[in-house]
Protein backbone atom coordinates (compact mmCIF):
# COMPACT_ATOMS: atom_id res chain seq x y z
CA MET A 1 -29.11 86.31 -39.59
CA THR A 2 -29.77 84.45 -42.71
CA GLY A 3 -33.10 84.47 -44.10
CA GLU A 4 -34.77 82.81 -46.93
CA PRO A 5 -33.78 83.99 -50.35
CA GLY A 6 -36.13 86.71 -51.62
CA ARG A 7 -37.65 87.33 -48.24
CA ARG A 8 -37.40 90.89 -46.95
CA GLY A 9 -36.94 91.28 -43.26
CA GLY A 10 -37.99 93.99 -41.04
CA LEU A 11 -36.94 97.67 -41.34
CA ASP A 12 -34.40 97.28 -38.41
CA GLU A 13 -32.76 94.12 -39.96
CA GLN A 14 -32.72 95.78 -43.33
CA ALA A 15 -31.05 98.87 -41.82
CA VAL A 16 -28.46 96.76 -40.09
CA LEU A 17 -27.77 94.74 -43.19
CA LEU A 18 -27.37 97.89 -45.21
CA ALA A 19 -25.06 99.55 -42.71
CA ALA A 20 -22.81 96.32 -42.39
CA GLY A 21 -22.76 96.04 -46.23
CA LEU A 22 -21.83 99.80 -46.53
CA ALA A 23 -19.00 99.41 -43.89
CA ASP A 24 -17.66 96.34 -45.70
CA LEU A 25 -17.79 98.04 -48.88
CA ALA A 26 -15.99 101.14 -47.71
CA VAL A 27 -13.12 99.26 -45.99
CA SER A 28 -12.69 96.95 -49.03
CA THR A 29 -12.89 99.34 -51.97
CA LEU A 30 -12.31 102.83 -50.56
CA GLY A 31 -9.71 103.57 -53.17
CA SER A 32 -11.86 102.87 -56.21
CA ALA A 33 -15.11 104.31 -54.80
CA VAL A 34 -14.47 107.87 -56.02
CA GLY A 35 -13.99 106.71 -59.59
CA VAL A 36 -17.22 104.57 -59.33
CA VAL A 37 -19.25 107.45 -58.04
CA ARG A 38 -17.95 109.78 -60.75
CA GLY A 39 -19.07 107.10 -63.28
CA LEU A 40 -22.42 106.82 -61.69
CA LEU A 41 -23.16 110.43 -61.81
CA ARG A 42 -22.63 110.48 -65.48
CA ARG A 43 -25.14 107.56 -66.24
CA SER A 44 -28.70 108.01 -67.24
CA ASP A 45 -29.83 104.84 -65.74
CA ALA A 46 -28.71 105.88 -62.04
CA ALA A 47 -32.01 104.97 -60.34
CA GLU A 48 -31.65 101.32 -61.64
CA LEU A 49 -28.12 101.19 -60.53
CA ALA A 50 -29.03 102.47 -57.23
CA ALA A 51 -31.50 99.76 -56.73
CA ASP A 52 -28.95 97.06 -57.78
CA ALA A 53 -26.41 98.66 -55.29
CA GLU A 54 -29.06 98.51 -52.45
CA HIS A 55 -29.62 94.82 -53.29
CA ASP A 56 -25.86 94.10 -53.41
CA LEU A 57 -25.25 96.01 -50.22
CA VAL A 58 -27.95 93.93 -48.49
CA ALA A 59 -26.37 90.80 -49.71
CA ARG A 60 -22.89 91.97 -48.46
CA GLY A 61 -24.34 93.07 -45.17
CA ARG A 62 -25.92 89.72 -44.74
CA LEU A 63 -22.57 88.04 -45.48
CA VAL A 64 -20.83 90.22 -43.01
CA MET A 65 -23.23 89.73 -40.35
CA ASP A 66 -22.94 85.99 -40.81
CA ARG A 67 -19.29 86.04 -40.77
CA TYR A 68 -18.73 88.10 -37.66
CA ALA A 69 -22.02 87.53 -35.61
CA ALA A 70 -22.01 83.88 -35.89
CA VAL A 71 -21.42 82.27 -32.47
CA PRO A 72 -18.70 79.37 -32.79
CA PRO A 73 -19.70 76.01 -31.29
CA ALA A 74 -18.85 75.50 -27.70
CA HIS A 75 -15.30 73.90 -27.28
CA LEU A 76 -16.76 71.12 -24.75
CA GLU A 77 -19.57 70.33 -27.09
CA VAL A 78 -17.19 69.74 -30.05
CA LEU A 79 -14.96 67.52 -27.82
CA ALA A 80 -18.04 65.61 -26.62
CA ARG A 81 -19.12 64.98 -30.26
CA HIS A 82 -15.79 63.78 -31.30
CA ALA A 83 -15.67 61.46 -28.25
CA ARG A 84 -19.17 60.05 -29.05
CA ALA A 85 -18.14 59.57 -32.74
CA ARG A 86 -15.06 57.67 -31.57
CA ARG A 87 -16.95 55.54 -29.30
CA ALA A 88 -19.58 54.73 -31.86
CA GLY A 89 -16.61 53.69 -34.02
CA ASP A 90 -14.94 51.44 -31.65
CA ASP A 91 -18.21 49.61 -31.10
CA VAL A 92 -18.49 48.44 -34.63
């Protein structure tokens, strides 16, 4: 699910990335979230902070999706590559 830097995906992808970022953020920083929200409510530049937070959440969501949605390589494929590399090394 990785895209080119700076490229905005479709709305569905954006929503999934935001949701994944929010979930990861909630799990990792739930204890400090209340203090952060209180601090945000007192700031005058809340709109800019919200935009920055959205960008950060999208980035977190992309990282989470890359971490958990990536399909590991097939075991037999990995073994075949090792055998091919070993055979190529023996021929030299």
